Amino acid sequence: MIHLTLVVALLSSSPADAVPCWVIKRAVARYGEAVAESWARAKGFTAKDIEHAKRCLRS
């Protein structure tokens, strides 16, 4: 169930939407930071969006 929630949250998100920190943390835990960042860049997330995500990981 959690995996499905993660996939739905990631696929339904767009760069304009805020992705919750719990989703970011789960994606990084499951796929690794480099893969998660690469996916985000491929989906059009900006450097500012990625910095926000990195702040989530530190919190």
Protein backbone atom coordinates (compact mmCIF):
# COMPACT_ATOMS: atom_id res chain seq x y z
CA MET A 1 0.00 0.00 0.00
CA ILE A 2 2.77 2.46 0.90
CA HIS A 3 4.62 1.70 -2.35
CA LEU A 4 1.45 2.37 -4.34
CA THR A 5 0.90 5.65 -2.46
CA LEU A 6 4.46 6.69 -3.23
CA VAL A 7 4.13 5.93 -6.94
CA VAL A 8 0.78 7.73 -7.21
CA ALA A 9 2.12 10.78 -5.37
CA LEU A 10 5.21 10.96 -7.58
CA LEU A 11 3.39 10.42 -10.85
CA SER A 12 0.61 12.86 -10.06
CA SER A 13 3.01 15.59 -9.00
CA SER A 14 4.15 18.30 -11.30
CA PRO A 15 6.91 20.82 -10.73
CA ALA A 16 4.27 23.37 -9.68
CA ASP A 17 2.92 21.09 -6.96
CA ALA A 18 4.59 20.73 -3.60
CA VAL A 19 5.74 17.16 -3.00
CA PRO A 20 5.42 16.27 0.70
CA CYS A 21 8.65 15.60 2.55
CA TRP A 22 7.51 12.09 3.46
CA VAL A 23 7.26 11.25 -0.25
CA ILE A 24 10.73 12.62 -0.91
CA LYS A 25 12.21 10.68 2.02
CA ARG A 26 10.56 7.43 0.93
CA ALA A 27 11.69 7.84 -2.68
CA VAL A 28 15.28 8.50 -1.62
CA ALA A 29 15.22 5.59 0.83
CA ARG A 30 13.86 3.26 -1.85
CA TYR A 31 15.76 4.42 -4.97
CA GLY A 32 18.68 6.50 -3.69
CA GLU A 33 19.28 10.24 -3.82
CA ALA A 34 20.93 10.25 -7.26
CA VAL A 35 18.08 8.33 -8.91
CA ALA A 36 15.42 10.46 -7.21
CA GLU A 37 17.16 13.66 -8.28
CA SER A 38 17.62 12.41 -11.84
CA TRP A 39 13.91 11.50 -11.99
CA ALA A 40 12.95 14.94 -10.67
CA ARG A 41 15.11 16.72 -13.26
CA ALA A 42 13.67 14.55 -16.06
CA LYS A 43 10.16 15.51 -14.92
CA GLY A 44 11.00 19.23 -15.07
CA PHE A 45 11.63 20.01 -11.43
CA THR A 46 13.78 23.12 -11.02
CA ALA A 47 16.99 23.54 -9.05
CA LYS A 48 14.88 25.37 -6.44
CA ASP A 49 12.51 22.37 -6.19
CA ILE A 50 15.46 20.03 -5.76
CA GLU A 51 16.99 22.25 -3.06
CA HIS A 52 13.65 22.10 -1.25
CA ALA A 53 13.77 18.32 -1.46
CA LYS A 54 17.32 18.24 -0.08
CA ARG A 55 16.17 20.41 2.85
CA CYS A 56 13.45 17.83 3.51
CA LEU A 57 16.08 15.12 3.74
CA ARG A 58 17.98 17.10 6.38
CA SER A 59 14.89 17.67 8.53
